[in-house]
C-alpha cells in the first residue's frame, strides 16, 4: 500500500503542477519574430536639403526714410548754429545703421560724417565763446575719430580718389590744423585733397584752385 503524502509534500506537488500548466500556456502564445534593426545608411548629396543662407543685411525702406529725415534735421540745426541739439539726431542715425549693418558698411559714411561735423563745429563754437585759452575739448578728438572712420569707408567703397574722399580729407585737415595743432598731418590731408581735386576735376578747376589755396593757408 502507498503511504499517504504528508501535508508539505502535497503542497509541493500542487506547486509543480501549477508551474507546468503556466509553462504550457506560455508556449501556446503565438510569437512573431521581429527583424533586427538595421543601421541607417549615410545620407547622400541627393538626400541633403540645402539650407537657404540669409542675404546680406540691408536697411528697410522705413529705416532709409528715417535716416534721410535725421540727416535733414542735422543740416537744418547746424545752419542755425544749434550744434548741441544736432548731436542727438546725428547720433541716432549712426546708432540705427550700426545696429542693423556691419561696421564696414558704406551706409555708415553719412552718419559718421554728419556726427564728425557736428562735434567739430560745437568744439569750435565753445572755444570761440570761451574766455582765455580753452582746454582741448574731447569733442575735437571725437570729431577726428568720426572723420577718419568715414574716410576709411569712402576709400574702401568708393575709391581713394573719389571726390568725397578729397572733401573729407580737407575737412580733416582743417580740424588737425586749427585745433589739434598737428600741422604735418594737416598738410598731408590738404595735399591729398589737392591731388584728388586735380585728378577728378582737372588742374585748372575751381575745386583744385580752392584745394591749393587751403594747402597754402595751412603751410603759412
C-alpha atoms as a PDB file:
ATOM      1  CA  UNK A   1       0.000   0.000   0.000  1.00  0.00           C
ATOM      2  CA  UNK A   2       1.210   3.534  -0.904  1.00  0.00           C
ATOM      3  CA  UNK A   3       1.724   5.548   2.235  1.00  0.00           C
ATOM      4  CA  UNK A   4      -0.300   8.787   2.394  1.00  0.00           C
ATOM      5  CA  UNK A   5       1.562  12.039   1.461  1.00  0.00           C
ATOM      6  CA  UNK A   6       2.380  14.451   4.159  1.00  0.00           C
ATOM      7  CA  UNK A   7       0.865  17.956   4.161  1.00  0.00           C
ATOM      8  CA  UNK A   8       4.133  19.556   2.913  1.00  0.00           C
ATOM      9  CA  UNK A   9       4.611  17.007   0.111  1.00  0.00           C
ATOM     10  CA  UNK A  10       1.095  17.570  -1.139  1.00  0.00           C
ATOM     11  CA  UNK A  11       1.592  21.333  -1.401  1.00  0.00           C
ATOM     12  CA  UNK A  12       4.922  20.809  -3.243  1.00  0.00           C
ATOM     13  CA  UNK A  13       3.237  18.572  -5.825  1.00  0.00           C
ATOM     14  CA  UNK A  14       0.460  21.094  -6.407  1.00  0.00           C
ATOM     15  CA  UNK A  15       3.053  23.868  -6.945  1.00  0.00           C
ATOM     16  CA  UNK A  16       4.982  21.850  -9.504  1.00  0.00           C
ATOM     17  CA  UNK A  17       1.778  21.136 -11.380  1.00  0.00           C
ATOM     18  CA  UNK A  18       0.867  24.850 -11.460  1.00  0.00           C
ATOM     19  CA  UNK A  19       4.269  25.772 -12.868  1.00  0.00           C
ATOM     20  CA  UNK A  20       3.898  23.173 -15.601  1.00  0.00           C
ATOM     21  CA  UNK A  21       0.458  24.474 -16.565  1.00  0.00           C
ATOM     22  CA  UNK A  22       1.804  28.070 -16.744  1.00  0.00           C
ATOM     23  CA  UNK A  23       4.676  26.929 -18.933  1.00  0.00           C
ATOM     24  CA  UNK A  24       2.256  25.146 -21.304  1.00  0.00           C
ATOM     25  CA  UNK A  25       0.066  28.268 -21.581  1.00  0.00           C
ATOM     26  CA  UNK A  26       3.093  30.445 -22.274  1.00  0.00           C
ATOM     27  CA  UNK A  27       4.267  28.112 -25.002  1.00  0.00           C
ATOM     28  CA  UNK A  28       0.855  28.325 -26.637  1.00  0.00           C
ATOM     29  CA  UNK A  29       1.089  32.111 -27.122  1.00  0.00           C
ATOM     30  CA  UNK A  30       1.999  32.836 -30.782  1.00  0.00           C
ATOM     31  CA  UNK A  31       5.357  34.582 -31.172  1.00  0.00           C
ATOM     32  CA  UNK A  32       6.194  36.681 -34.213  1.00  0.00           C
ATOM     33  CA  UNK A  33       9.894  37.083 -34.818  1.00  0.00           C
ATOM     34  CA  UNK A  34      10.901  40.744 -35.262  1.00  0.00           C
ATOM     35  CA  UNK A  35      13.675  41.591 -37.727  1.00  0.00           C
ATOM     36  CA  UNK A  36      16.817  43.064 -36.281  1.00  0.00           C
ATOM     37  CA  UNK A  37      17.159  46.825 -36.664  1.00  0.00           C
ATOM     38  CA  UNK A  38      19.491  47.739 -39.490  1.00  0.00           C
ATOM     39  CA  UNK A  39      21.891  50.677 -39.432  1.00  0.00           C
ATOM     40  CA  UNK A  40      20.670  53.834 -41.214  1.00  0.00           C
ATOM     41  CA  UNK A  41      22.650  54.307 -44.411  1.00  0.00           C
ATOM     42  CA  UNK A  42      24.637  57.541 -44.673  1.00  0.00           C
ATOM     43  CA  UNK A  43      22.849  60.426 -46.367  1.00  0.00           C
ATOM     44  CA  UNK A  44      23.800  61.174 -49.939  1.00  0.00           C
ATOM     45  CA  UNK A  45      24.022  64.583 -51.586  1.00  0.00           C
ATOM     46  CA  UNK A  46      20.580  63.989 -53.077  1.00  0.00           C
ATOM     47  CA  UNK A  47      19.119  63.454 -49.591  1.00  0.00           C
ATOM     48  CA  UNK A  48      20.565  66.665 -48.140  1.00  0.00           C
ATOM     49  CA  UNK A  49      18.162  69.593 -48.352  1.00  0.00           C
ATOM     50  CA  UNK A  50      20.181  72.811 -48.705  1.00  0.00           C
ATOM     51  CA  UNK A  51      19.510  75.375 -46.003  1.00  0.00           C
ATOM     52  CA  UNK A  52      18.991  78.805 -47.559  1.00  0.00           C
ATOM     53  CA  UNK A  53      21.591  81.311 -46.444  1.00  0.00           C
ATOM     54  CA  UNK A  54      20.388  84.710 -45.319  1.00  0.00           C
ATOM     55  CA  UNK A  55      21.135  87.509 -47.733  1.00  0.00           C
ATOM     56  CA  UNK A  56      23.257  90.491 -46.843  1.00  0.00           C
ATOM     57  CA  UNK A  57      21.820  92.758 -44.207  1.00  0.00           C
ATOM     58  CA  UNK A  58      20.143  95.833 -45.575  1.00  0.00           C
ATOM     59  CA  UNK A  59      18.204  98.813 -44.341  1.00  0.00           C
ATOM     60  CA  UNK A  60      14.454  98.744 -44.716  1.00  0.00           C
ATOM     61  CA  UNK A  61      12.621 101.448 -46.621  1.00  0.00           C
ATOM     62  CA  UNK A  62      11.406 102.835 -43.303  1.00  0.00           C
ATOM     63  CA  UNK A  63      14.974 102.952 -41.995  1.00  0.00           C
ATOM     64  CA  UNK A  64      16.158 104.825 -45.076  1.00  0.00           C
ATOM     65  CA  UNK A  65      13.370 107.387 -44.801  1.00  0.00           C
ATOM     66  CA  UNK A  66      14.171 107.864 -41.124  1.00  0.00           C
ATOM     67  CA  UNK A  67      17.869 108.336 -41.862  1.00  0.00           C
ATOM     68  CA  UNK A  68      17.095 110.905 -44.558  1.00  0.00           C
ATOM     69  CA  UNK A  69      14.906 112.828 -42.118  1.00  0.00           C
ATOM     70  CA  UNK A  70      17.629 112.738 -39.453  1.00  0.00           C
ATOM     71  CA  UNK A  71      20.237 113.995 -41.911  1.00  0.00           C
ATOM     72  CA  UNK A  72      17.994 116.894 -42.954  1.00  0.00           C
ATOM     73  CA  UNK A  73      17.414 117.743 -39.307  1.00  0.00           C
ATOM     74  CA  UNK A  74      21.155 117.757 -38.575  1.00  0.00           C
ATOM     75  CA  UNK A  75      21.791 120.068 -41.537  1.00  0.00           C
ATOM     76  CA  UNK A  76      18.970 122.413 -40.534  1.00  0.00           C
ATOM     77  CA  UNK A  77      20.081 122.666 -36.898  1.00  0.00           C
ATOM     78  CA  UNK A  78      23.698 123.202 -37.927  1.00  0.00           C
ATOM     79  CA  UNK A  79      22.750 126.087 -40.212  1.00  0.00           C
ATOM     80  CA  UNK A  80      21.083 127.716 -37.218  1.00  0.00           C
ATOM     81  CA  UNK A  81      24.221 127.064 -35.121  1.00  0.00           C
ATOM     82  CA  UNK A  82      22.230 124.783 -32.819  1.00  0.00           C
ATOM     83  CA  UNK A  83      25.030 122.249 -32.740  1.00  0.00           C
ATOM     84  CA  UNK A  84      24.245 120.812 -29.328  1.00  0.00           C
ATOM     85  CA  UNK A  85      20.727 119.939 -30.482  1.00  0.00           C
ATOM     86  CA  UNK A  86      22.118 118.425 -33.698  1.00  0.00           C
ATOM     87  CA  UNK A  87      24.162 115.823 -31.836  1.00  0.00           C
ATOM     88  CA  UNK A  88      21.017 113.864 -30.887  1.00  0.00           C
ATOM     89  CA  UNK A  89      19.678 113.148 -34.397  1.00  0.00           C
ATOM     90  CA  UNK A  90      23.207 112.624 -35.721  1.00  0.00           C
ATOM     91  CA  UNK A  91      23.895 110.024 -33.040  1.00  0.00           C
ATOM     92  CA  UNK A  92      20.529 108.359 -33.609  1.00  0.00           C
ATOM     93  CA  UNK A  93      21.327 107.946 -37.301  1.00  0.00           C
ATOM     94  CA  UNK A  94      24.676 106.346 -36.519  1.00  0.00           C
ATOM     95  CA  UNK A  95      23.133 104.015 -33.916  1.00  0.00           C
ATOM     96  CA  UNK A  96      20.435 102.945 -36.359  1.00  0.00           C
ATOM     97  CA  UNK A  97      22.887 101.928 -39.062  1.00  0.00           C
ATOM     98  CA  UNK A  98      25.336 100.263 -36.655  1.00  0.00           C
ATOM     99  CA  UNK A  99      22.510  98.220 -35.148  1.00  0.00           C
ATOM    100  CA  UNK A 100      21.454  96.757 -38.492  1.00  0.00           C
ATOM    101  CA  UNK A 101      24.641  96.626 -40.556  1.00  0.00           C
ATOM    102  CA  UNK A 102      28.291  95.695 -40.133  1.00  0.00           C
ATOM    103  CA  UNK A 103      30.896  98.226 -39.078  1.00  0.00           C
ATOM    104  CA  UNK A 104      32.386  98.369 -42.585  1.00  0.00           C
ATOM    105  CA  UNK A 105      29.148  99.047 -44.453  1.00  0.00           C
ATOM    106  CA  UNK A 106      29.205 102.150 -46.706  1.00  0.00           C
ATOM    107  CA  UNK A 107      25.851 103.240 -45.270  1.00  0.00           C
ATOM    108  CA  UNK A 108      27.803 104.397 -42.214  1.00  0.00           C
ATOM    109  CA  UNK A 109      29.648 107.112 -44.167  1.00  0.00           C
ATOM    110  CA  UNK A 110      26.929 109.757 -43.996  1.00  0.00           C
ATOM    111  CA  UNK A 111      26.089 109.338 -40.272  1.00  0.00           C
ATOM    112  CA  UNK A 112      29.788 109.333 -39.338  1.00  0.00           C
ATOM    113  CA  UNK A 113      30.451 112.403 -41.456  1.00  0.00           C
ATOM    114  CA  UNK A 114      27.462 114.257 -40.002  1.00  0.00           C
ATOM    115  CA  UNK A 115      28.439 113.418 -36.434  1.00  0.00           C
ATOM    116  CA  UNK A 116      32.034 114.456 -37.059  1.00  0.00           C
ATOM    117  CA  UNK A 117      30.935 117.801 -38.473  1.00  0.00           C
ATOM    118  CA  UNK A 118      28.626 118.489 -35.545  1.00  0.00           C
ATOM    119  CA  UNK A 119      31.318 117.673 -32.988  1.00  0.00           C
ATOM    120  CA  UNK A 120      33.848 119.792 -34.854  1.00  0.00           C
ATOM    121  CA  UNK A 121      31.503 122.776 -35.118  1.00  0.00           C
ATOM    122  CA  UNK A 122      30.430 122.518 -31.489  1.00  0.00           C
ATOM    123  CA  UNK A 123      34.040 122.340 -30.310  1.00  0.00           C
ATOM    124  CA  UNK A 124      34.937 125.417 -32.376  1.00  0.00           C
ATOM    125  CA  UNK A 125      31.917 127.292 -31.066  1.00  0.00           C
ATOM    126  CA  UNK A 126      32.747 126.520 -27.438  1.00  0.00           C
ATOM    127  CA  UNK A 127      36.350 127.567 -27.991  1.00  0.00           C
ATOM    128  CA  UNK A 128      35.192 130.817 -29.600  1.00  0.00           C
ATOM    129  CA  UNK A 129      32.959 131.866 -26.704  1.00  0.00           C
ATOM    130  CA  UNK A 130      35.384 130.703 -24.009  1.00  0.00           C
ATOM    131  CA  UNK A 131      37.300 133.347 -22.097  1.00  0.00           C
ATOM    132  CA  UNK A 132      41.060 132.977 -22.294  1.00  0.00           C
ATOM    133  CA  UNK A 133      42.686 129.792 -23.528  1.00  0.00           C
ATOM    134  CA  UNK A 134      40.176 126.976 -23.729  1.00  0.00           C
ATOM    135  CA  UNK A 135      41.375 123.458 -22.861  1.00  0.00           C
ATOM    136  CA  UNK A 136      41.468 120.882 -25.616  1.00  0.00           C
ATOM    137  CA  UNK A 137      37.969 119.519 -25.900  1.00  0.00           C
ATOM    138  CA  UNK A 138      37.122 115.842 -26.235  1.00  0.00           C
ATOM    139  CA  UNK A 139      34.736 116.939 -28.986  1.00  0.00           C
ATOM    140  CA  UNK A 140      37.697 117.533 -31.308  1.00  0.00           C
ATOM    141  CA  UNK A 141      39.070 114.059 -30.612  1.00  0.00           C
ATOM    142  CA  UNK A 142      35.669 112.511 -31.235  1.00  0.00           C
ATOM    143  CA  UNK A 143      35.256 114.515 -34.433  1.00  0.00           C
ATOM    144  CA  UNK A 144      38.621 113.262 -35.645  1.00  0.00           C
ATOM    145  CA  UNK A 145      37.656 109.655 -34.928  1.00  0.00           C
ATOM    146  CA  UNK A 146      34.405 110.010 -36.876  1.00  0.00           C
ATOM    147  CA  UNK A 147      36.149 111.716 -39.803  1.00  0.00           C
ATOM    148  CA  UNK A 148      38.909 109.116 -40.008  1.00  0.00           C
ATOM    149  CA  UNK A 149      36.476 106.235 -39.859  1.00  0.00           C
ATOM    150  CA  UNK A 150      34.273 107.759 -42.560  1.00  0.00           C
ATOM    151  CA  UNK A 151      37.292 108.454 -44.757  1.00  0.00           C
ATOM    152  CA  UNK A 152      38.431 104.850 -44.494  1.00  0.00           C
ATOM    153  CA  UNK A 153      34.981 103.618 -45.529  1.00  0.00           C
ATOM    154  CA  UNK A 154      34.961 106.005 -48.508  1.00  0.00           C
ATOM    155  CA  UNK A 155      38.333 104.703 -49.674  1.00  0.00           C
ATOM    156  CA  UNK A 156      37.225 101.077 -49.424  1.00  0.00           C
ATOM    157  CA  UNK A 157      33.801 101.517 -51.014  1.00  0.00           C
ATOM    158  CA  UNK A 158      34.207 104.445 -53.438  1.00  0.00           C
ATOM    159  CA  UNK A 159      37.929 104.591 -54.089  1.00  0.00           C
ATOM    160  CA  UNK A 160      40.855 106.622 -52.778  1.00  0.00           C
ATOM    161  CA  UNK A 161      40.391 109.297 -55.475  1.00  0.00           C
ATOM    162  CA  UNK A 162      36.652 109.766 -55.124  1.00  0.00           C
ATOM    163  CA  UNK A 163      35.638 113.438 -54.711  1.00  0.00           C
ATOM    164  CA  UNK A 164      34.088 112.574 -51.341  1.00  0.00           C
ATOM    165  CA  UNK A 165      37.494 111.383 -50.156  1.00  0.00           C
ATOM    166  CA  UNK A 166      39.018 114.727 -51.142  1.00  0.00           C
ATOM    167  CA  UNK A 167      36.286 116.749 -49.448  1.00  0.00           C
ATOM    168  CA  UNK A 168      36.516 114.821 -46.208  1.00  0.00           C
ATOM    169  CA  UNK A 169      40.326 114.856 -46.252  1.00  0.00           C
ATOM    170  CA  UNK A 170      40.169 118.644 -46.491  1.00  0.00           C
ATOM    171  CA  UNK A 171      37.803 118.882 -43.517  1.00  0.00           C
ATOM    172  CA  UNK A 172      40.025 116.567 -41.508  1.00  0.00           C
ATOM    173  CA  UNK A 173      42.985 118.766 -42.393  1.00  0.00           C
ATOM    174  CA  UNK A 174      41.146 121.818 -41.052  1.00  0.00           C
ATOM    175  CA  UNK A 175      40.465 120.015 -37.793  1.00  0.00           C
ATOM    176  CA  UNK A 176      44.053 118.851 -37.382  1.00  0.00           C
ATOM    177  CA  UNK A 177      45.493 122.294 -38.109  1.00  0.00           C
ATOM    178  CA  UNK A 178      43.171 124.578 -36.198  1.00  0.00           C
ATOM    179  CA  UNK A 179      42.564 122.674 -33.000  1.00  0.00           C
ATOM    180  CA  UNK A 180      44.914 119.763 -32.551  1.00  0.00           C
ATOM    181  CA  UNK A 181      47.953 121.592 -33.888  1.00  0.00           C
ATOM    182  CA  UNK A 182      49.089 118.582 -35.881  1.00  0.00           C
ATOM    183  CA  UNK A 183      50.288 120.554 -38.866  1.00  0.00           C
ATOM    184  CA  UNK A 184      52.241 117.763 -40.548  1.00  0.00           C
ATOM    185  CA  UNK A 185      49.162 115.556 -40.712  1.00  0.00           C
ATOM    186  CA  UNK A 186      47.047 118.531 -41.692  1.00  0.00           C
ATOM    187  CA  UNK A 187      49.360 119.291 -44.627  1.00  0.00           C
ATOM    188  CA  UNK A 188      49.180 115.624 -45.688  1.00  0.00           C
ATOM    189  CA  UNK A 189      45.394 115.809 -45.730  1.00  0.00           C
ATOM    190  CA  UNK A 190      45.387 119.063 -47.707  1.00  0.00           C
ATOM    191  CA  UNK A 191      47.878 117.680 -50.228  1.00  0.00           C
ATOM    192  CA  UNK A 192      45.710 114.645 -50.590  1.00  0.00           C
ATOM    193  CA  UNK A 193      42.631 116.795 -51.208  1.00  0.00           C
ATOM    194  CA  UNK A 194      44.549 118.768 -53.855  1.00  0.00           C
ATOM    195  CA  UNK A 195      45.690 115.611 -55.640  1.00  0.00           C
ATOM    196  CA  UNK A 196      42.135 114.267 -55.728  1.00  0.00           C
ATOM    197  CA  UNK A 197      40.735 117.574 -56.996  1.00  0.00           C
ATOM    198  CA  UNK A 198      43.285 117.722 -59.812  1.00  0.00           C
ATOM    199  CA  UNK A 199      42.629 114.126 -60.801  1.00  0.00           C
ATOM    200  CA  UNK A 200      38.842 114.258 -60.733  1.00  0.00           C
ATOM    201  CA  UNK A 201      38.076 117.872 -61.702  1.00  0.00           C
ATOM    202  CA  UNK A 202      41.197 118.988 -63.531  1.00  0.00           C
ATOM    203  CA  UNK A 203      44.239 121.020 -62.552  1.00  0.00           C
ATOM    204  CA  UNK A 204      42.573 124.330 -63.513  1.00  0.00           C
ATOM    205  CA  UNK A 205      39.213 123.614 -61.931  1.00  0.00           C
ATOM    206  CA  UNK A 206      37.689 125.700 -59.148  1.00  0.00           C
ATOM    207  CA  UNK A 207      37.926 122.727 -56.830  1.00  0.00           C
ATOM    208  CA  UNK A 208      41.632 122.336 -57.486  1.00  0.00           C
ATOM    209  CA  UNK A 209      42.223 126.063 -57.041  1.00  0.00           C
ATOM    210  CA  UNK A 210      40.411 126.028 -53.681  1.00  0.00           C
ATOM    211  CA  UNK A 211      42.353 122.957 -52.527  1.00  0.00           C
ATOM    212  CA  UNK A 212      45.652 124.598 -53.449  1.00  0.00           C
ATOM    213  CA  UNK A 213      44.658 127.754 -51.578  1.00  0.00           C
ATOM    214  CA  UNK A 214      43.695 125.751 -48.482  1.00  0.00           C
ATOM    215  CA  UNK A 215      47.047 123.986 -48.587  1.00  0.00           C
ATOM    216  CA  UNK A 216      48.956 127.275 -48.649  1.00  0.00           C
ATOM    217  CA  UNK A 217      46.959 128.563 -45.677  1.00  0.00           C
ATOM    218  CA  UNK A 218      47.919 125.540 -43.590  1.00  0.00           C
ATOM    219  CA  UNK A 219      51.542 125.828 -44.660  1.00  0.00           C
ATOM    220  CA  UNK A 220      51.658 129.530 -43.850  1.00  0.00           C
END
